[in-house]
Every structure is written in C-alpha cells, then in structure tokens.
Amino acid sequence: MKIIREWTTLTQKEFAKRLGKSKRTIEQYEAGTVNYGIDILKKISKEFNIDIIFEKK
C-alpha cells in the first residue's frame, strides 16, 4: 500500500481522505499491524484508476 501511496505522491492524510479512512488506519496498513482486504484494494484501484492483479499461487 505504501508503494501505491508514494506513487500517487499523496501524504498518508490525503490518501486516507481519498479512501474514506483515517490517517491512523493507513499508518497501520503500511506498518503491517492491521491487515487490509480485497475491498480496500478494489477501492484504491477504482479511485486511482490503476489495475491491481491478483494471482493464485
């Protein structure tokens, strides 16, 4: 998630606002202390018009 946020050149606060999350939540996602699901990845994909590819291993 941090890579995507940095690619958008947004601060954690700005990124959080665009996704409807708190800055603290984004901090936790990036630190790996809270896991995020496919729903947030879909929202990121839609909000920033990027493709996120899921591959089954």
N, C-alpha and C. Protein backbone atom coordinates (compact mmCIF):
# COMPACT_ATOMS: atom_id res chain seq x y z
N MET A 1 0.82 -1.17 0.00
CA MET A 1 0.00 0.00 0.00
C MET A 1 0.87 1.25 0.00
N LYS A 2 1.97 1.20 0.73
CA LYS A 2 2.86 2.36 0.79
C LYS A 2 3.39 2.72 -0.60
N ILE A 3 3.72 1.70 -1.37
CA ILE A 3 4.24 1.94 -2.73
C ILE A 3 3.19 2.67 -3.57
N ILE A 4 1.95 2.23 -3.48
CA ILE A 4 0.88 2.88 -4.24
C ILE A 4 0.70 4.32 -3.77
N ARG A 5 0.69 4.52 -2.44
CA ARG A 5 0.52 5.87 -1.92
C ARG A 5 1.65 6.78 -2.36
N GLU A 6 2.87 6.29 -2.28
CA GLU A 6 4.01 7.11 -2.70
C GLU A 6 3.95 7.39 -4.20
N TRP A 7 3.48 6.44 -4.98
CA TRP A 7 3.34 6.64 -6.42
C TRP A 7 2.35 7.77 -6.72
N THR A 8 1.32 7.89 -5.87
CA THR A 8 0.32 8.95 -6.06
C THR A 8 0.82 10.30 -5.55
N THR A 9 1.94 10.31 -4.88
CA THR A 9 2.56 11.49 -4.25
C THR A 9 1.66 12.14 -3.20
N LEU A 10 0.79 11.36 -2.59
CA LEU A 10 -0.09 11.87 -1.54
C LEU A 10 0.50 11.56 -0.16
N THR A 11 0.19 12.42 0.79
CA THR A 11 0.55 12.13 2.17
C THR A 11 -0.40 11.05 2.69
N GLN A 12 -0.07 10.49 3.85
CA GLN A 12 -0.96 9.49 4.43
C GLN A 12 -2.34 10.10 4.70
N LYS A 13 -2.36 11.33 5.15
CA LYS A 13 -3.63 12.00 5.45
C LYS A 13 -4.46 12.19 4.18
N GLU A 14 -3.83 12.65 3.11
CA GLU A 14 -4.53 12.86 1.83
C GLU A 14 -5.03 11.54 1.25
N PHE A 15 -4.17 10.52 1.31
CA PHE A 15 -4.51 9.19 0.81
C PHE A 15 -5.70 8.63 1.58
N ALA A 16 -5.65 8.77 2.90
CA ALA A 16 -6.73 8.29 3.76
C ALA A 16 -8.05 8.98 3.41
N LYS A 17 -8.00 10.28 3.21
CA LYS A 17 -9.22 11.04 2.89
C LYS A 17 -9.83 10.55 1.59
N ARG A 18 -9.00 10.31 0.59
CA ARG A 18 -9.50 9.84 -0.72
C ARG A 18 -10.17 8.47 -0.60
N LEU A 19 -9.71 7.67 0.38
CA LEU A 19 -10.26 6.33 0.54
C LEU A 19 -11.34 6.24 1.61
N GLY A 20 -11.61 7.35 2.28
CA GLY A 20 -12.61 7.34 3.33
C GLY A 20 -12.14 6.62 4.58
N LYS A 21 -10.84 6.65 4.82
CA LYS A 21 -10.24 6.01 6.00
C LYS A 21 -9.55 7.08 6.83
N SER A 22 -9.14 6.71 8.03
CA SER A 22 -8.39 7.64 8.87
C SER A 22 -6.90 7.53 8.56
N LYS A 23 -6.16 8.58 8.89
CA LYS A 23 -4.70 8.56 8.70
C LYS A 23 -4.10 7.42 9.52
N ARG A 24 -4.62 7.21 10.71
CA ARG A 24 -4.12 6.15 11.58
C ARG A 24 -4.30 4.78 10.92
N THR A 25 -5.41 4.56 10.26
CA THR A 25 -5.64 3.29 9.57
C THR A 25 -4.62 3.08 8.48
N ILE A 26 -4.33 4.12 7.70
CA ILE A 26 -3.32 4.00 6.64
C ILE A 26 -1.96 3.71 7.26
N GLU A 27 -1.63 4.38 8.35
CA GLU A 27 -0.37 4.12 9.06
C GLU A 27 -0.27 2.65 9.46
N GLN A 28 -1.37 2.12 9.99
CA GLN A 28 -1.38 0.72 10.43
C GLN A 28 -1.26 -0.24 9.25
N TYR A 29 -1.95 0.06 8.15
CA TYR A 29 -1.81 -0.76 6.95
C TYR A 29 -0.36 -0.79 6.50
N GLU A 30 0.25 0.37 6.42
CA GLU A 30 1.62 0.46 5.92
C GLU A 30 2.63 -0.19 6.86
N ALA A 31 2.37 -0.14 8.15
CA ALA A 31 3.27 -0.75 9.13
C ALA A 31 3.06 -2.26 9.24
N GLY A 32 1.93 -2.74 8.69
CA GLY A 32 1.64 -4.17 8.74
C GLY A 32 1.02 -4.61 10.06
N THR A 33 0.58 -3.65 10.89
CA THR A 33 -0.05 -4.01 12.16
C THR A 33 -1.53 -4.32 12.00
N VAL A 34 -2.11 -3.88 10.88
CA VAL A 34 -3.51 -4.19 10.55
C VAL A 34 -3.54 -4.68 9.11
N ASN A 35 -4.22 -5.78 8.91
CA ASN A 35 -4.35 -6.32 7.55
C ASN A 35 -5.53 -5.65 6.84
N TYR A 36 -5.41 -5.53 5.53
CA TYR A 36 -6.50 -4.98 4.74
C TYR A 36 -6.97 -6.05 3.78
N GLY A 37 -8.20 -5.90 3.33
CA GLY A 37 -8.79 -6.90 2.47
C GLY A 37 -8.87 -6.46 1.02
N ILE A 38 -9.45 -7.32 0.24
CA ILE A 38 -9.61 -7.06 -1.18
C ILE A 38 -10.47 -5.82 -1.41
N ASP A 39 -11.42 -5.57 -0.51
CA ASP A 39 -12.31 -4.42 -0.69
C ASP A 39 -11.55 -3.10 -0.75
N ILE A 40 -10.55 -2.93 0.10
CA ILE A 40 -9.78 -1.68 0.08
C ILE A 40 -8.90 -1.62 -1.17
N LEU A 41 -8.40 -2.75 -1.61
CA LEU A 41 -7.60 -2.76 -2.84
C LEU A 41 -8.46 -2.42 -4.05
N LYS A 42 -9.70 -2.90 -4.06
CA LYS A 42 -10.62 -2.55 -5.15
C LYS A 42 -10.91 -1.05 -5.14
N LYS A 43 -11.08 -0.49 -3.94
CA LYS A 43 -11.34 0.94 -3.82
C LYS A 43 -10.15 1.75 -4.32
N ILE A 44 -8.94 1.34 -3.96
CA ILE A 44 -7.72 2.00 -4.44
C ILE A 44 -7.65 1.94 -5.95
N SER A 45 -7.92 0.76 -6.49
CA SER A 45 -7.89 0.56 -7.93
C SER A 45 -8.84 1.51 -8.65
N LYS A 46 -10.05 1.62 -8.13
CA LYS A 46 -11.05 2.49 -8.74
C LYS A 46 -10.70 3.96 -8.56
N GLU A 47 -10.31 4.35 -7.36
CA GLU A 47 -10.03 5.75 -7.04
C GLU A 47 -8.87 6.32 -7.85
N PHE A 48 -7.83 5.49 -8.05
CA PHE A 48 -6.63 5.98 -8.72
C PHE A 48 -6.47 5.44 -10.15
N ASN A 49 -7.52 4.76 -10.62
CA ASN A 49 -7.54 4.24 -11.98
C ASN A 49 -6.29 3.41 -12.31
N ILE A 50 -6.04 2.43 -11.44
CA ILE A 50 -4.91 1.53 -11.66
C ILE A 50 -5.42 0.09 -11.60
N ASP A 51 -4.69 -0.80 -12.22
CA ASP A 51 -5.02 -2.21 -12.18
C ASP A 51 -4.22 -2.88 -11.07
N ILE A 52 -4.91 -3.64 -10.26
CA ILE A 52 -4.24 -4.48 -9.25
C ILE A 52 -4.56 -5.90 -9.64
N ILE A 53 -3.54 -6.66 -9.90
CA ILE A 53 -3.71 -8.04 -10.40
C ILE A 53 -3.50 -9.02 -9.25
N PHE A 54 -4.44 -9.92 -9.09
CA PHE A 54 -4.37 -10.96 -8.08
C PHE A 54 -4.03 -12.28 -8.78
N GLU A 55 -3.03 -12.95 -8.27
CA GLU A 55 -2.65 -14.24 -8.84
C GLU A 55 -2.72 -15.32 -7.77
N LYS A 56 -3.31 -16.43 -8.12
CA LYS A 56 -3.37 -17.55 -7.21
C LYS A 56 -2.07 -18.32 -7.32
N LYS A 57 -1.50 -18.65 -6.18
CA LYS A 57 -0.25 -19.41 -6.16
C LYS A 57 -0.51 -20.86 -5.93
